[in-house]
Amino acid sequence: PMGIDTMFQEVSGLSAELTVEELVEGGENR
C-alpha cells in the first residue's frame, strides 16, 4: 500500500538448495 521504491543495483539470493539426510545402513561400509 506504500508504493515501495524499487530501484536496486544488485540482487542476490536467487537460489534454492535441496538438503539431504544421511542414512547409514548396518553392515554396509562402502
PDB file of all heavy atoms in Angstrom:
ATOM      1  N   PRO A   1       0.809  -1.207   0.000  1.00  0.00           N
ATOM      2  CA  PRO A   1       0.000   0.000   0.000  1.00  0.00           C
ATOM      3  C   PRO A   1       0.851   1.269   0.000  1.00  0.00           C
ATOM      4  O   PRO A   1       0.364   2.349  -0.229  1.00  0.00           O
ATOM      5  CB  PRO A   1      -0.799  -0.112   1.295  1.00  0.00           C
ATOM      6  CG  PRO A   1       0.062  -0.928   2.191  1.00  0.00           C
ATOM      7  CD  PRO A   1       0.805  -1.886   1.288  1.00  0.00           C
ATOM      8  N   MET A   2       2.165   1.136   0.255  1.00  0.00           N
ATOM      9  CA  MET A   2       3.040   2.293   0.393  1.00  0.00           C
ATOM     10  C   MET A   2       3.670   2.740  -0.910  1.00  0.00           C
ATOM     11  O   MET A   2       4.309   3.766  -0.946  1.00  0.00           O
ATOM     12  CB  MET A   2       4.161   1.981   1.378  1.00  0.00           C
ATOM     13  CG  MET A   2       3.698   1.560   2.742  1.00  0.00           C
ATOM     14  SD  MET A   2       5.109   1.101   3.736  1.00  0.00           S
ATOM     15  CE  MET A   2       5.232  -0.632   3.363  1.00  0.00           C
ATOM     16  N   GLY A   3       3.563   1.943  -1.972  1.00  0.00           N
ATOM     17  CA  GLY A   3       4.271   2.274  -3.197  1.00  0.00           C
ATOM     18  C   GLY A   3       5.774   2.235  -2.976  1.00  0.00           C
ATOM     19  O   GLY A   3       6.481   3.203  -3.201  1.00  0.00           O
ATOM     20  N   ILE A   4       6.276   1.108  -2.513  1.00  0.00           N
ATOM     21  CA  ILE A   4       7.689   0.984  -2.142  1.00  0.00           C
ATOM     22  C   ILE A   4       8.589   1.216  -3.349  1.00  0.00           C
ATOM     23  O   ILE A   4       8.349   0.691  -4.424  1.00  0.00           O
ATOM     24  CB  ILE A   4       7.946  -0.401  -1.505  1.00  0.00           C
ATOM     25  CG1 ILE A   4       7.271  -0.461  -0.135  1.00  0.00           C
ATOM     26  CG2 ILE A   4       9.424  -0.685  -1.377  1.00  0.00           C
ATOM     27  CD1 ILE A   4       7.454  -1.743   0.602  1.00  0.00           C
ATOM     28  N   ASP A   5       9.624   2.029  -3.150  1.00  0.00           N
ATOM     29  CA  ASP A   5      10.596   2.322  -4.196  1.00  0.00           C
ATOM     30  C   ASP A   5      11.449   1.084  -4.463  1.00  0.00           C
ATOM     31  O   ASP A   5      11.866   0.402  -3.544  1.00  0.00           O
ATOM     32  CB  ASP A   5      11.459   3.511  -3.795  1.00  0.00           C
ATOM     33  CG  ASP A   5      11.848   3.500  -2.323  1.00  0.00           C
ATOM     34  OD1 ASP A   5      11.111   2.923  -1.517  1.00  0.00           O
ATOM     35  OD2 ASP A   5      12.901   4.054  -1.985  1.00  0.00           O
ATOM     36  N   THR A   6      11.691   0.816  -5.731  1.00  0.00           N
ATOM     37  CA  THR A   6      12.245  -0.490  -6.081  1.00  0.00           C
ATOM     38  C   THR A   6      13.415  -0.434  -7.054  1.00  0.00           C
ATOM     39  O   THR A   6      13.572  -1.333  -7.857  1.00  0.00           O
ATOM     40  CB  THR A   6      11.147  -1.362  -6.693  1.00  0.00           C
ATOM     41  OG1 THR A   6      10.648  -0.717  -7.863  1.00  0.00           O
ATOM     42  CG2 THR A   6      10.033  -1.637  -5.724  1.00  0.00           C
ATOM     43  N   MET A   7      14.226   0.588  -7.021  1.00  0.00           N
ATOM     44  CA  MET A   7      15.396   0.633  -7.898  1.00  0.00           C
ATOM     45  C   MET A   7      16.606   0.101  -7.127  1.00  0.00           C
ATOM     46  O   MET A   7      16.968   0.644  -6.081  1.00  0.00           O
ATOM     47  CB  MET A   7      15.640   2.058  -8.387  1.00  0.00           C
ATOM     48  CG  MET A   7      14.520   2.556  -9.249  1.00  0.00           C
ATOM     49  SD  MET A   7      14.826   4.121 -10.084  1.00  0.00           S
ATOM     50  CE  MET A   7      15.653   5.105  -8.892  1.00  0.00           C
ATOM     51  N   PHE A   8      17.197  -0.980  -7.654  1.00  0.00           N
ATOM     52  CA  PHE A   8      18.336  -1.613  -6.997  1.00  0.00           C
ATOM     53  C   PHE A   8      19.461  -1.800  -7.981  1.00  0.00           C
ATOM     54  O   PHE A   8      19.238  -1.970  -9.170  1.00  0.00           O
ATOM     55  CB  PHE A   8      17.930  -2.968  -6.391  1.00  0.00           C
ATOM     56  CG  PHE A   8      16.862  -2.840  -5.351  1.00  0.00           C
ATOM     57  CD1 PHE A   8      15.538  -3.035  -5.669  1.00  0.00           C
ATOM     58  CD2 PHE A   8      17.190  -2.483  -4.056  1.00  0.00           C
ATOM     59  CE1 PHE A   8      14.550  -2.891  -4.718  1.00  0.00           C
ATOM     60  CE2 PHE A   8      16.209  -2.330  -3.096  1.00  0.00           C
ATOM     61  CZ  PHE A   8      14.885  -2.543  -3.426  1.00  0.00           C
ATOM     62  N   GLN A   9      20.690  -1.813  -7.474  1.00  0.00           N
ATOM     63  CA  GLN A   9      21.836  -2.057  -8.331  1.00  0.00           C
ATOM     64  C   GLN A   9      22.278  -3.517  -8.272  1.00  0.00           C
ATOM     65  O   GLN A   9      23.000  -3.976  -9.156  1.00  0.00           O
ATOM     66  CB  GLN A   9      22.993  -1.142  -7.972  1.00  0.00           C
ATOM     67  CG  GLN A   9      23.632  -1.429  -6.631  1.00  0.00           C
ATOM     68  CD  GLN A   9      24.699  -0.426  -6.284  1.00  0.00           C
ATOM     69  OE1 GLN A   9      24.515   0.766  -6.472  1.00  0.00           O
ATOM     70  NE2 GLN A   9      25.819  -0.902  -5.779  1.00  0.00           N
ATOM     71  N   GLU A  10      21.818  -4.248  -7.244  1.00  0.00           N
ATOM     72  CA  GLU A  10      22.224  -5.643  -7.124  1.00  0.00           C
ATOM     73  C   GLU A  10      21.171  -6.426  -6.357  1.00  0.00           C
ATOM     74  O   GLU A  10      20.621  -5.942  -5.364  1.00  0.00           O
ATOM     75  CB  GLU A  10      23.565  -5.720  -6.387  1.00  0.00           C
ATOM     76  CG  GLU A  10      24.150  -7.097  -6.286  1.00  0.00           C
ATOM     77  CD  GLU A  10      25.500  -7.098  -5.580  1.00  0.00           C
ATOM     78  OE1 GLU A  10      26.236  -6.097  -5.658  1.00  0.00           O
ATOM     79  OE2 GLU A  10      25.801  -8.124  -4.937  1.00  0.00           O
ATOM     80  N   VAL A  11      20.893  -7.642  -6.821  1.00  0.00           N
ATOM     81  CA  VAL A  11      20.000  -8.580  -6.138  1.00  0.00           C
ATOM     82  C   VAL A  11      20.737  -9.904  -6.058  1.00  0.00           C
ATOM     83  O   VAL A  11      21.257 -10.394  -7.058  1.00  0.00           O
ATOM     84  CB  VAL A  11      18.670  -8.772  -6.912  1.00  0.00           C
ATOM     85  CG1 VAL A  11      17.811  -9.834  -6.248  1.00  0.00           C
ATOM     86  CG2 VAL A  11      17.910  -7.461  -7.026  1.00  0.00           C
ATOM     87  N   SER A  12      20.807 -10.482  -4.856  1.00  0.00           N
ATOM     88  CA  SER A  12      21.418 -11.804  -4.713  1.00  0.00           C
ATOM     89  C   SER A  12      20.533 -12.666  -3.825  1.00  0.00           C
ATOM     90  O   SER A  12      19.644 -12.170  -3.134  1.00  0.00           O
ATOM     91  CB  SER A  12      22.836 -11.697  -4.139  1.00  0.00           C
ATOM     92  OG  SER A  12      22.818 -11.104  -2.865  1.00  0.00           O
ATOM     93  N   GLY A  13      20.784 -13.968  -3.876  1.00  0.00           N
ATOM     94  CA  GLY A  13      19.970 -14.914  -3.117  1.00  0.00           C
ATOM     95  C   GLY A  13      18.938 -15.603  -3.982  1.00  0.00           C
ATOM     96  O   GLY A  13      17.965 -16.147  -3.473  1.00  0.00           O
ATOM     97  N   LEU A  14      19.145 -15.609  -5.295  1.00  0.00           N
ATOM     98  CA  LEU A  14      18.198 -16.249  -6.222  1.00  0.00           C
ATOM     99  C   LEU A  14      18.572 -17.722  -6.369  1.00  0.00           C
ATOM    100  O   LEU A  14      18.962 -18.175  -7.449  1.00  0.00           O
ATOM    101  CB  LEU A  14      18.236 -15.557  -7.598  1.00  0.00           C
ATOM    102  CG  LEU A  14      17.930 -14.069  -7.615  1.00  0.00           C
ATOM    103  CD1 LEU A  14      18.137 -13.498  -9.009  1.00  0.00           C
ATOM    104  CD2 LEU A  14      16.523 -13.806  -7.135  1.00  0.00           C
ATOM    105  N   SER A  15      18.473 -18.459  -5.298  1.00  0.00           N
ATOM    106  CA  SER A  15      18.843 -19.870  -5.357  1.00  0.00           C
ATOM    107  C   SER A  15      18.016 -20.692  -4.381  1.00  0.00           C
ATOM    108  O   SER A  15      17.353 -20.157  -3.499  1.00  0.00           O
ATOM    109  CB  SER A  15      20.338 -20.044  -5.048  1.00  0.00           C
ATOM    110  OG  SER A  15      20.622 -19.657  -3.736  1.00  0.00           O
ATOM    111  N   ALA A  16      18.064 -21.980  -4.589  1.00  0.00           N
ATOM    112  CA  ALA A  16      17.409 -22.937  -3.703  1.00  0.00           C
ATOM    113  C   ALA A  16      18.307 -24.164  -3.632  1.00  0.00           C
ATOM    114  O   ALA A  16      18.957 -24.523  -4.614  1.00  0.00           O
ATOM    115  CB  ALA A  16      16.031 -23.312  -4.237  1.00  0.00           C
ATOM    116  N   GLU A  17      18.343 -24.794  -2.477  1.00  0.00           N
ATOM    117  CA  GLU A  17      19.205 -25.955  -2.287  1.00  0.00           C
ATOM    118  C   GLU A  17      18.423 -27.068  -1.612  1.00  0.00           C
ATOM    119  O   GLU A  17      17.771 -26.845  -0.587  1.00  0.00           O
ATOM    120  CB  GLU A  17      20.408 -25.573  -1.416  1.00  0.00           C
ATOM    121  CG  GLU A  17      21.358 -26.711  -1.152  1.00  0.00           C
ATOM    122  CD  GLU A  17      22.530 -26.300  -0.267  1.00  0.00           C
ATOM    123  OE1 GLU A  17      22.676 -25.108   0.030  1.00  0.00           O
ATOM    124  OE2 GLU A  17      23.281 -27.202   0.143  1.00  0.00           O
ATOM    125  N   LEU A  18      18.495 -28.237  -2.196  1.00  0.00           N
ATOM    126  CA  LEU A  18      17.848 -29.417  -1.617  1.00  0.00           C
ATOM    127  C   LEU A  18      18.814 -30.034  -0.612  1.00  0.00           C
ATOM    128  O   LEU A  18      19.934 -30.410  -0.959  1.00  0.00           O
ATOM    129  CB  LEU A  18      17.502 -30.431  -2.704  1.00  0.00           C
ATOM    130  CG  LEU A  18      16.781 -31.686  -2.251  1.00  0.00           C
ATOM    131  CD1 LEU A  18      15.413 -31.341  -1.675  1.00  0.00           C
ATOM    132  CD2 LEU A  18      16.639 -32.658  -3.403  1.00  0.00           C
ATOM    133  N   THR A  19      18.401 -30.102   0.647  1.00  0.00           N
ATOM    134  CA  THR A  19      19.242 -30.725   1.663  1.00  0.00           C
ATOM    135  C   THR A  19      18.951 -32.229   1.690  1.00  0.00           C
ATOM    136  O   THR A  19      17.877 -32.673   1.274  1.00  0.00           O
ATOM    137  CB  THR A  19      18.998 -30.122   3.059  1.00  0.00           C
ATOM    138  OG1 THR A  19      17.637 -30.340   3.427  1.00  0.00           O
ATOM    139  CG2 THR A  19      19.309 -28.643   3.070  1.00  0.00           C
ATOM    140  N   VAL A  20      19.923 -32.960   2.159  1.00  0.00           N
ATOM    141  CA  VAL A  20      19.772 -34.414   2.228  1.00  0.00           C
ATOM    142  C   VAL A  20      20.019 -34.896   3.650  1.00  0.00           C
ATOM    143  O   VAL A  20      20.743 -34.263   4.423  1.00  0.00           O
ATOM    144  CB  VAL A  20      20.730 -35.138   1.251  1.00  0.00           C
ATOM    145  CG1 VAL A  20      20.385 -34.831  -0.190  1.00  0.00           C
ATOM    146  CG2 VAL A  20      22.173 -34.817   1.544  1.00  0.00           C
ATOM    147  N   GLU A  21      19.399 -36.005   3.961  1.00  0.00           N
ATOM    148  CA  GLU A  21      19.600 -36.660   5.254  1.00  0.00           C
ATOM    149  C   GLU A  21      20.386 -37.931   4.993  1.00  0.00           C
ATOM    150  O   GLU A  21      20.038 -38.708   4.105  1.00  0.00           O
ATOM    151  CB  GLU A  21      18.242 -36.983   5.869  1.00  0.00           C
ATOM    152  CG  GLU A  21      18.311 -37.610   7.232  1.00  0.00           C
ATOM    153  CD  GLU A  21      16.924 -37.868   7.803  1.00  0.00           C
ATOM    154  OE1 GLU A  21      15.993 -37.114   7.477  1.00  0.00           O
ATOM    155  OE2 GLU A  21      16.793 -38.848   8.554  1.00  0.00           O
ATOM    156  N   GLU A  22      21.445 -38.112   5.757  1.00  0.00           N
ATOM    157  CA  GLU A  22      22.267 -39.305   5.564  1.00  0.00           C
ATOM    158  C   GLU A  22      21.741 -40.451   6.421  1.00  0.00           C
ATOM    159  O   GLU A  22      21.440 -40.264   7.600  1.00  0.00           O
ATOM    160  CB  GLU A  22      23.730 -39.009   5.898  1.00  0.00           C
ATOM    161  CG  GLU A  22      24.361 -38.044   4.918  1.00  0.00           C
ATOM    162  CD  GLU A  22      25.851 -37.883   5.138  1.00  0.00           C
ATOM    163  OE1 GLU A  22      26.398 -38.444   6.114  1.00  0.00           O
ATOM    164  OE2 GLU A  22      26.462 -37.191   4.309  1.00  0.00           O
ATOM    165  N   LEU A  23      21.643 -41.611   5.805  1.00  0.00           N
ATOM    166  CA  LEU A  23      21.150 -42.804   6.478  1.00  0.00           C
ATOM    167  C   LEU A  23      22.202 -43.894   6.343  1.00  0.00           C
ATOM    168  O   LEU A  23      22.541 -44.313   5.231  1.00  0.00           O
ATOM    169  CB  LEU A  23      19.830 -43.261   5.860  1.00  0.00           C
ATOM    170  CG  LEU A  23      19.204 -44.518   6.446  1.00  0.00           C
ATOM    171  CD1 LEU A  23      18.787 -44.293   7.890  1.00  0.00           C
ATOM    172  CD2 LEU A  23      18.014 -44.946   5.615  1.00  0.00           C
ATOM    173  N   VAL A  24      22.736 -44.319   7.481  1.00  0.00           N
ATOM    174  CA  VAL A  24      23.750 -45.359   7.487  1.00  0.00           C
ATOM    175  C   VAL A  24      23.050 -46.705   7.562  1.00  0.00           C
ATOM    176  O   VAL A  24      22.190 -46.938   8.419  1.00  0.00           O
ATOM    177  CB  VAL A  24      24.709 -45.182   8.685  1.00  0.00           C
ATOM    178  CG1 VAL A  24      25.741 -46.291   8.720  1.00  0.00           C
ATOM    179  CG2 VAL A  24      25.367 -43.822   8.637  1.00  0.00           C
ATOM    180  N   GLU A  25      23.388 -47.591   6.644  1.00  0.00           N
ATOM    181  CA  GLU A  25      22.815 -48.936   6.624  1.00  0.00           C
ATOM    182  C   GLU A  25      23.762 -49.881   7.346  1.00  0.00           C
ATOM    183  O   GLU A  25      24.964 -49.917   7.049  1.00  0.00           O
ATOM    184  CB  GLU A  25      22.623 -49.376   5.164  1.00  0.00           C
ATOM    185  CG  GLU A  25      21.999 -50.735   5.012  1.00  0.00           C
ATOM    186  CD  GLU A  25      21.814 -51.118   3.554  1.00  0.00           C
ATOM    187  OE1 GLU A  25      22.016 -50.278   2.665  1.00  0.00           O
ATOM    188  OE2 GLU A  25      21.469 -52.292   3.316  1.00  0.00           O
ATOM    189  N   GLY A  26      23.247 -50.612   8.306  1.00  0.00           N
ATOM    190  CA  GLY A  26      24.071 -51.536   9.072  1.00  0.00           C
ATOM    191  C   GLY A  26      24.721 -52.587   8.181  1.00  0.00           C
ATOM    192  O   GLY A  26      24.072 -53.177   7.320  1.00  0.00           O
ATOM    193  N   GLY A  27      26.013 -52.788   8.335  1.00  0.00           N
ATOM    194  CA  GLY A  27      26.741 -53.783   7.565  1.00  0.00           C
ATOM    195  C   GLY A  27      27.240 -53.266   6.221  1.00  0.00           C
ATOM    196  O   GLY A  27      28.012 -53.943   5.553  1.00  0.00           O
ATOM    197  N   GLU A  28      26.820 -52.089   5.793  1.00  0.00           N
ATOM    198  CA  GLU A  28      27.255 -51.519   4.515  1.00  0.00           C
ATOM    199  C   GLU A  28      28.252 -50.395   4.799  1.00  0.00           C
ATOM    200  O   GLU A  28      27.881 -49.351   5.315  1.00  0.00           O
ATOM    201  CB  GLU A  28      26.061 -50.972   3.740  1.00  0.00           C
ATOM    202  CG  GLU A  28      26.401 -50.360   2.407  1.00  0.00           C
ATOM    203  CD  GLU A  28      27.113 -51.315   1.471  1.00  0.00           C
ATOM    204  OE1 GLU A  28      26.466 -52.260   0.976  1.00  0.00           O
ATOM    205  OE2 GLU A  28      28.314 -51.131   1.227  1.00  0.00           O
ATOM    206  N   ASN A  29      29.526 -50.612   4.462  1.00  0.00           N
ATOM    207  CA  ASN A  29      30.566 -49.628   4.741  1.00  0.00           C
ATOM    208  C   ASN A  29      31.033 -48.872   3.501  1.00  0.00           C
ATOM    209  O   ASN A  29      31.861 -47.985   3.602  1.00  0.00           O
ATOM    210  CB  ASN A  29      31.778 -50.308   5.397  1.00  0.00           C
ATOM    211  CG  ASN A  29      31.430 -50.882   6.757  1.00  0.00           C
ATOM    212  OD1 ASN A  29      30.619 -50.311   7.470  1.00  0.00           O
ATOM    213  ND2 ASN A  29      32.025 -52.007   7.103  1.00  0.00           N
ATOM    214  N   ARG A  30      30.529 -49.236   2.321  1.00  0.00           N
ATOM    215  CA  ARG A  30      31.003 -48.601   1.086  1.00  0.00           C
ATOM    216  C   ARG A  30      30.355 -47.241   0.831  1.00  0.00           C
ATOM    217  O   ARG A  30      30.949 -46.397   0.179  1.00  0.00           O
ATOM    218  CB  ARG A  30      30.716 -49.512  -0.118  1.00  0.00           C
ATOM    219  CG  ARG A  30      31.519 -50.799  -0.087  1.00  0.00           C
ATOM    220  CD  ARG A  30      31.154 -51.687  -1.236  1.00  0.00           C
ATOM    221  NE  ARG A  30      29.746 -52.096  -1.065  1.00  0.00           N
ATOM    222  CZ  ARG A  30      28.987 -52.612  -2.011  1.00  0.00           C
ATOM    223  NH1 ARG A  30      29.472 -52.756  -3.215  1.00  0.00           N
ATOM    224  NH2 ARG A  30      27.759 -52.975  -1.765  1.00  0.00           N
TER     225      ARG A  30
END
